[in-house]
Amino acid sequence: MQQGGGSETEVTWEDQQNINKFGRLNNRFHELEEEIKIAKETNENLEDASNELILSDEDVVRFQIGEVYAHMLKVEERLETMKGKASEELQRLEEEKESIIAQMAELKKTLYGKFKDSINLEED
């Protein structure tokens, strides 16, 4: 559609859906970055706790469960299980982030191909 001296590309329903999807993916991308940051901190804390436990020579250790400390035996096994779950969660988050990056790149290619400089999908 031509108007005056400039050109304007018509936005179809499909284009609008792609723009909306890009926006949702971008929001999820930022949420994932925060979740990954928290998961990395959790992994580091669990690793630190495991190292401190190795240095400790006590048989019974006070272990925090929620807001309560309980005396526990075999805390090493519990920590290893927690570290495994935390690592799996971090890996899942990283894989989701990579998937979102790929989807966003594909949408950018499609949208920039049609709208060229009329659309800005980059972060400031």
N, C-alpha and C. Protein backbone atom coordinates (compact mmCIF):
# COMPACT_ATOMS: atom_id res chain seq x y z
N MET A 1 0.84 -1.18 0.00
CA MET A 1 0.00 0.00 0.00
C MET A 1 0.89 1.24 0.00
N GLN A 2 0.79 2.04 -1.02
CA GLN A 2 1.60 3.24 -1.16
C GLN A 2 0.80 4.47 -0.71
N GLN A 3 1.45 5.31 0.08
CA GLN A 3 0.84 6.57 0.49
C GLN A 3 1.90 7.64 0.40
N GLY A 4 1.60 8.72 -0.25
CA GLY A 4 2.56 9.81 -0.38
C GLY A 4 3.84 9.30 -1.02
N GLY A 5 4.98 9.64 -0.42
CA GLY A 5 6.27 9.22 -0.96
C GLY A 5 6.80 7.98 -0.28
N GLY A 6 6.26 7.61 0.89
CA GLY A 6 6.78 6.47 1.64
C GLY A 6 5.98 5.22 1.37
N SER A 7 6.52 4.11 1.81
CA SER A 7 5.80 2.85 1.63
C SER A 7 5.40 2.32 3.00
N GLU A 8 4.24 1.71 3.06
CA GLU A 8 3.74 1.15 4.30
C GLU A 8 3.31 -0.28 4.02
N THR A 9 3.82 -1.21 4.80
CA THR A 9 3.49 -2.63 4.62
C THR A 9 2.27 -2.95 5.47
N GLU A 10 1.34 -3.62 4.87
CA GLU A 10 0.13 -4.00 5.59
C GLU A 10 0.45 -5.11 6.59
N VAL A 11 -0.07 -4.98 7.79
CA VAL A 11 0.13 -5.98 8.83
C VAL A 11 -1.05 -6.94 8.80
N THR A 12 -0.76 -8.17 8.47
CA THR A 12 -1.82 -9.18 8.41
C THR A 12 -2.04 -9.78 9.80
N TRP A 13 -3.09 -10.59 9.92
CA TRP A 13 -3.39 -11.26 11.18
C TRP A 13 -2.22 -12.17 11.57
N GLU A 14 -1.66 -12.86 10.60
CA GLU A 14 -0.52 -13.76 10.84
C GLU A 14 0.70 -12.98 11.32
N ASP A 15 0.93 -11.81 10.71
CA ASP A 15 2.04 -10.96 11.15
C ASP A 15 1.86 -10.54 12.60
N GLN A 16 0.64 -10.15 12.94
CA GLN A 16 0.37 -9.71 14.31
C GLN A 16 0.57 -10.87 15.29
N GLN A 17 0.18 -12.07 14.87
CA GLN A 17 0.39 -13.25 15.72
C GLN A 17 1.88 -13.49 15.94
N ASN A 18 2.67 -13.32 14.89
CA ASN A 18 4.13 -13.49 15.01
C ASN A 18 4.74 -12.43 15.93
N ILE A 19 4.28 -11.20 15.81
CA ILE A 19 4.77 -10.12 16.67
C ILE A 19 4.41 -10.42 18.13
N ASN A 20 3.18 -10.85 18.36
CA ASN A 20 2.74 -11.19 19.72
C ASN A 20 3.56 -12.36 20.28
N LYS A 21 3.79 -13.36 19.44
CA LYS A 21 4.57 -14.53 19.88
C LYS A 21 5.99 -14.11 20.23
N PHE A 22 6.57 -13.23 19.42
CA PHE A 22 7.91 -12.73 19.71
C PHE A 22 7.93 -12.03 21.07
N GLY A 23 6.91 -11.22 21.34
CA GLY A 23 6.83 -10.51 22.61
C GLY A 23 6.73 -11.48 23.79
N ARG A 24 5.91 -12.52 23.65
CA ARG A 24 5.78 -13.52 24.72
C ARG A 24 7.10 -14.26 24.93
N LEU A 25 7.75 -14.63 23.83
CA LEU A 25 9.04 -15.32 23.94
C LEU A 25 10.09 -14.43 24.60
N ASN A 26 10.07 -13.16 24.25
CA ASN A 26 11.03 -12.22 24.83
C ASN A 26 10.80 -12.10 26.34
N ASN A 27 9.55 -12.02 26.76
CA ASN A 27 9.25 -11.97 28.19
C ASN A 27 9.72 -13.23 28.90
N ARG A 28 9.45 -14.39 28.31
CA ARG A 28 9.87 -15.66 28.91
C ARG A 28 11.39 -15.75 28.97
N PHE A 29 12.06 -15.22 27.93
CA PHE A 29 13.52 -15.21 27.90
C PHE A 29 14.07 -14.47 29.12
N HIS A 30 13.50 -13.31 29.42
CA HIS A 30 13.96 -12.53 30.57
C HIS A 30 13.64 -13.22 31.89
N GLU A 31 12.48 -13.87 31.97
CA GLU A 31 12.14 -14.64 33.17
C GLU A 31 13.13 -15.78 33.36
N LEU A 32 13.48 -16.45 32.27
CA LEU A 32 14.43 -17.57 32.35
C LEU A 32 15.81 -17.10 32.81
N GLU A 33 16.23 -15.93 32.35
CA GLU A 33 17.52 -15.42 32.79
C GLU A 33 17.55 -15.28 34.31
N GLU A 34 16.47 -14.78 34.90
CA GLU A 34 16.39 -14.65 36.36
C GLU A 34 16.35 -16.02 37.02
N GLU A 35 15.56 -16.95 36.47
CA GLU A 35 15.46 -18.29 37.04
C GLU A 35 16.81 -19.01 36.97
N ILE A 36 17.54 -18.82 35.88
CA ILE A 36 18.86 -19.44 35.73
C ILE A 36 19.82 -18.86 36.75
N LYS A 37 19.76 -17.57 36.96
CA LYS A 37 20.62 -16.93 37.95
C LYS A 37 20.36 -17.53 39.34
N ILE A 38 19.09 -17.69 39.71
CA ILE A 38 18.73 -18.26 41.01
C ILE A 38 19.17 -19.72 41.09
N ALA A 39 18.99 -20.48 40.01
CA ALA A 39 19.39 -21.89 40.00
C ALA A 39 20.90 -22.03 40.15
N LYS A 40 21.67 -21.15 39.51
CA LYS A 40 23.12 -21.19 39.66
C LYS A 40 23.53 -20.90 41.09
N GLU A 41 22.88 -19.91 41.72
CA GLU A 41 23.17 -19.59 43.12
C GLU A 41 22.83 -20.78 44.02
N THR A 42 21.73 -21.45 43.75
CA THR A 42 21.34 -22.63 44.53
C THR A 42 22.38 -23.73 44.39
N ASN A 43 22.84 -23.96 43.15
CA ASN A 43 23.87 -24.97 42.93
C ASN A 43 25.15 -24.64 43.69
N GLU A 44 25.55 -23.37 43.66
CA GLU A 44 26.75 -22.94 44.37
C GLU A 44 26.57 -23.12 45.88
N ASN A 45 25.41 -22.76 46.40
CA ASN A 45 25.16 -22.92 47.84
C ASN A 45 25.20 -24.39 48.25
N LEU A 46 24.60 -25.26 47.44
CA LEU A 46 24.62 -26.68 47.75
C LEU A 46 26.04 -27.24 47.69
N GLU A 47 26.81 -26.78 46.73
CA GLU A 47 28.20 -27.21 46.62
C GLU A 47 29.01 -26.74 47.84
N ASP A 48 28.78 -25.49 48.26
CA ASP A 48 29.45 -24.97 49.45
C ASP A 48 29.06 -25.77 50.69
N ALA A 49 27.79 -26.09 50.82
CA ALA A 49 27.33 -26.87 51.97
C ALA A 49 27.97 -28.26 51.95
N SER A 50 28.07 -28.84 50.78
CA SER A 50 28.69 -30.15 50.66
C SER A 50 30.16 -30.10 51.07
N ASN A 51 30.86 -29.07 50.63
CA ASN A 51 32.27 -28.90 51.01
C ASN A 51 32.43 -28.69 52.51
N GLU A 52 31.57 -27.90 53.10
CA GLU A 52 31.62 -27.67 54.55
C GLU A 52 31.33 -28.96 55.30
N LEU A 53 30.44 -29.75 54.79
CA LEU A 53 30.10 -31.01 55.42
C LEU A 53 31.29 -31.97 55.40
N ILE A 54 32.05 -31.94 54.32
CA ILE A 54 33.24 -32.78 54.22
C ILE A 54 34.25 -32.39 55.30
N LEU A 55 34.37 -31.09 55.54
CA LEU A 55 35.32 -30.60 56.54
C LEU A 55 34.85 -30.87 57.97
N SER A 56 33.56 -31.03 58.13
CA SER A 56 32.99 -31.29 59.45
C SER A 56 33.26 -32.73 59.85
N ASP A 57 33.52 -32.93 61.15
CA ASP A 57 33.77 -34.29 61.62
C ASP A 57 32.63 -34.79 62.51
N GLU A 58 31.51 -34.13 62.43
CA GLU A 58 30.37 -34.53 63.26
C GLU A 58 29.55 -35.62 62.55
N ASP A 59 29.01 -36.55 63.35
CA ASP A 59 28.18 -37.61 62.80
C ASP A 59 26.75 -37.12 62.54
N VAL A 60 26.24 -36.32 63.46
CA VAL A 60 24.88 -35.80 63.34
C VAL A 60 24.99 -34.31 63.02
N VAL A 61 24.30 -33.90 61.97
CA VAL A 61 24.37 -32.52 61.50
C VAL A 61 22.98 -31.89 61.56
N ARG A 62 22.94 -30.62 61.94
CA ARG A 62 21.66 -29.90 61.90
C ARG A 62 21.42 -29.48 60.46
N PHE A 63 20.27 -29.86 59.94
CA PHE A 63 19.91 -29.64 58.54
C PHE A 63 18.66 -28.79 58.50
N GLN A 64 18.69 -27.70 57.75
CA GLN A 64 17.54 -26.81 57.68
C GLN A 64 16.52 -27.35 56.68
N ILE A 65 15.30 -27.52 57.18
CA ILE A 65 14.17 -27.94 56.34
C ILE A 65 13.12 -26.85 56.50
N GLY A 66 12.98 -26.02 55.48
CA GLY A 66 12.07 -24.88 55.60
C GLY A 66 12.64 -23.89 56.60
N GLU A 67 11.92 -23.67 57.69
CA GLU A 67 12.37 -22.74 58.71
C GLU A 67 12.85 -23.46 59.97
N VAL A 68 12.92 -24.77 59.91
CA VAL A 68 13.25 -25.58 61.08
C VAL A 68 14.57 -26.30 60.84
N TYR A 69 15.38 -26.41 61.89
CA TYR A 69 16.60 -27.20 61.83
C TYR A 69 16.33 -28.55 62.48
N ALA A 70 16.73 -29.61 61.81
CA ALA A 70 16.54 -30.96 62.34
C ALA A 70 17.89 -31.66 62.37
N HIS A 71 18.09 -32.48 63.37
CA HIS A 71 19.31 -33.29 63.44
C HIS A 71 19.14 -34.48 62.50
N MET A 72 20.11 -34.67 61.61
CA MET A 72 19.99 -35.73 60.61
C MET A 72 21.28 -36.51 60.49
N LEU A 73 21.12 -37.77 60.19
CA LEU A 73 22.23 -38.62 59.82
C LEU A 73 22.23 -38.73 58.30
N LYS A 74 23.35 -39.08 57.72
CA LYS A 74 23.47 -39.27 56.26
C LYS A 74 23.04 -38.04 55.47
N VAL A 75 23.51 -36.89 55.90
CA VAL A 75 23.18 -35.64 55.22
C VAL A 75 23.85 -35.59 53.85
N GLU A 76 24.99 -36.28 53.72
CA GLU A 76 25.70 -36.27 52.43
C GLU A 76 24.80 -36.77 51.31
N GLU A 77 24.07 -37.86 51.59
CA GLU A 77 23.17 -38.42 50.58
C GLU A 77 22.07 -37.43 50.22
N ARG A 78 21.54 -36.78 51.23
CA ARG A 78 20.47 -35.79 51.01
C ARG A 78 21.00 -34.63 50.16
N LEU A 79 22.20 -34.16 50.48
CA LEU A 79 22.80 -33.06 49.71
C LEU A 79 23.07 -33.48 48.27
N GLU A 80 23.56 -34.69 48.07
CA GLU A 80 23.83 -35.16 46.72
C GLU A 80 22.54 -35.24 45.90
N THR A 81 21.46 -35.69 46.52
CA THR A 81 20.17 -35.73 45.84
C THR A 81 19.71 -34.33 45.47
N MET A 82 19.85 -33.40 46.40
CA MET A 82 19.45 -32.01 46.15
C MET A 82 20.30 -31.39 45.04
N LYS A 83 21.62 -31.67 45.07
CA LYS A 83 22.50 -31.14 44.03
C LYS A 83 22.12 -31.70 42.66
N GLY A 84 21.78 -32.98 42.62
CA GLY A 84 21.37 -33.60 41.35
C GLY A 84 20.12 -32.96 40.79
N LYS A 85 19.12 -32.75 41.65
CA LYS A 85 17.87 -32.12 41.21
C LYS A 85 18.12 -30.69 40.76
N ALA A 86 18.95 -29.97 41.51
CA ALA A 86 19.24 -28.58 41.15
C ALA A 86 19.97 -28.50 39.81
N SER A 87 20.89 -29.43 39.57
CA SER A 87 21.62 -29.45 38.30
C SER A 87 20.69 -29.78 37.14
N GLU A 88 19.79 -30.73 37.36
CA GLU A 88 18.82 -31.07 36.31
C GLU A 88 17.92 -29.88 35.99
N GLU A 89 17.50 -29.17 37.01
CA GLU A 89 16.64 -27.98 36.81
C GLU A 89 17.40 -26.91 36.03
N LEU A 90 18.65 -26.68 36.39
CA LEU A 90 19.46 -25.69 35.68
C LEU A 90 19.62 -26.08 34.22
N GLN A 91 19.87 -27.35 33.96
CA GLN A 91 20.02 -27.81 32.58
C GLN A 91 18.72 -27.63 31.80
N ARG A 92 17.59 -27.94 32.44
CA ARG A 92 16.29 -27.78 31.78
C ARG A 92 16.05 -26.31 31.42
N LEU A 93 16.38 -25.42 32.36
CA LEU A 93 16.20 -23.98 32.11
C LEU A 93 17.10 -23.51 30.97
N GLU A 94 18.34 -23.98 30.95
CA GLU A 94 19.28 -23.60 29.88
C GLU A 94 18.78 -24.09 28.53
N GLU A 95 18.25 -25.31 28.48
CA GLU A 95 17.72 -25.86 27.22
C GLU A 95 16.50 -25.07 26.75
N GLU A 96 15.62 -24.68 27.70
CA GLU A 96 14.46 -23.87 27.32
C GLU A 96 14.90 -22.52 26.79
N LYS A 97 15.92 -21.94 27.41
CA LYS A 97 16.44 -20.65 26.96
C LYS A 97 16.98 -20.75 25.54
N GLU A 98 17.73 -21.82 25.25
CA GLU A 98 18.28 -22.00 23.90
C GLU A 98 17.15 -22.18 22.87
N SER A 99 16.12 -22.90 23.26
CA SER A 99 14.97 -23.09 22.37
C SER A 99 14.29 -21.76 22.07
N ILE A 100 14.14 -20.95 23.08
CA ILE A 100 13.50 -19.63 22.90
C ILE A 100 14.35 -18.74 22.03
N ILE A 101 15.66 -18.77 22.22
CA ILE A 101 16.56 -17.96 21.39
C ILE A 101 16.41 -18.36 19.92
N ALA A 102 16.33 -19.66 19.66
CA ALA A 102 16.18 -20.14 18.27
C ALA A 102 14.85 -19.69 17.68
N GLN A 103 13.77 -19.80 18.47
CA GLN A 103 12.46 -19.38 17.97
C GLN A 103 12.44 -17.88 17.70
N MET A 104 13.05 -17.10 18.60
CA MET A 104 13.08 -15.65 18.41
C MET A 104 13.88 -15.28 17.17
N ALA A 105 14.98 -15.98 16.91
CA ALA A 105 15.79 -15.70 15.72
C ALA A 105 14.99 -15.97 14.45
N GLU A 106 14.23 -17.05 14.45
CA GLU A 106 13.40 -17.38 13.29
C GLU A 106 12.32 -16.31 13.07
N LEU A 107 11.69 -15.88 14.17
CA LEU A 107 10.66 -14.84 14.05
C LEU A 107 11.26 -13.51 13.60
N LYS A 108 12.46 -13.18 14.10
CA LYS A 108 13.13 -11.96 13.67
C LYS A 108 13.38 -11.99 12.17
N LYS A 109 13.86 -13.13 11.69
CA LYS A 109 14.15 -13.27 10.27
C LYS A 109 12.88 -13.05 9.45
N THR A 110 11.79 -13.67 9.88
CA THR A 110 10.52 -13.55 9.17
C THR A 110 10.01 -12.11 9.20
N LEU A 111 9.99 -11.52 10.39
CA LEU A 111 9.42 -10.18 10.54
C LEU A 111 10.29 -9.10 9.89
N TYR A 112 11.62 -9.19 10.06
CA TYR A 112 12.48 -8.22 9.40
C TYR A 112 12.44 -8.40 7.88
N GLY A 113 12.24 -9.63 7.41
CA GLY A 113 12.12 -9.87 5.98
C GLY A 113 10.93 -9.14 5.38
N LYS A 114 9.86 -9.06 6.13
CA LYS A 114 8.66 -8.41 5.61
C LYS A 114 8.65 -6.90 5.90
N PHE A 115 9.00 -6.52 7.14
CA PHE A 115 8.84 -5.12 7.55
C PHE A 115 10.12 -4.29 7.45
N LYS A 116 11.25 -4.93 7.24
CA LYS A 116 12.55 -4.26 7.11
C LYS A 116 12.78 -3.28 8.27
N ASP A 117 12.96 -1.99 8.00
CA ASP A 117 13.26 -1.02 9.05
C ASP A 117 12.01 -0.50 9.76
N SER A 118 10.84 -0.96 9.36
CA SER A 118 9.60 -0.48 9.96
C SER A 118 9.32 -1.10 11.32
N ILE A 119 10.10 -2.12 11.69
CA ILE A 119 9.87 -2.81 12.96
C ILE A 119 11.20 -2.92 13.69
N ASN A 120 11.17 -2.77 15.01
CA ASN A 120 12.36 -2.89 15.82
C ASN A 120 12.14 -4.00 16.84
N LEU A 121 12.90 -5.07 16.72
CA LEU A 121 12.77 -6.20 17.64
C LEU A 121 13.98 -6.34 18.55
N GLU A 122 14.85 -5.36 18.51
CA GLU A 122 16.07 -5.40 19.31
C GLU A 122 15.84 -4.75 20.67
N GLU A 123 16.62 -5.21 21.66
CA GLU A 123 16.56 -4.64 23.00
C GLU A 123 17.32 -3.31 22.99
N ASP A 124 16.93 -2.40 23.82
CA ASP A 124 17.64 -1.11 23.90
C ASP A 124 18.84 -1.20 24.79
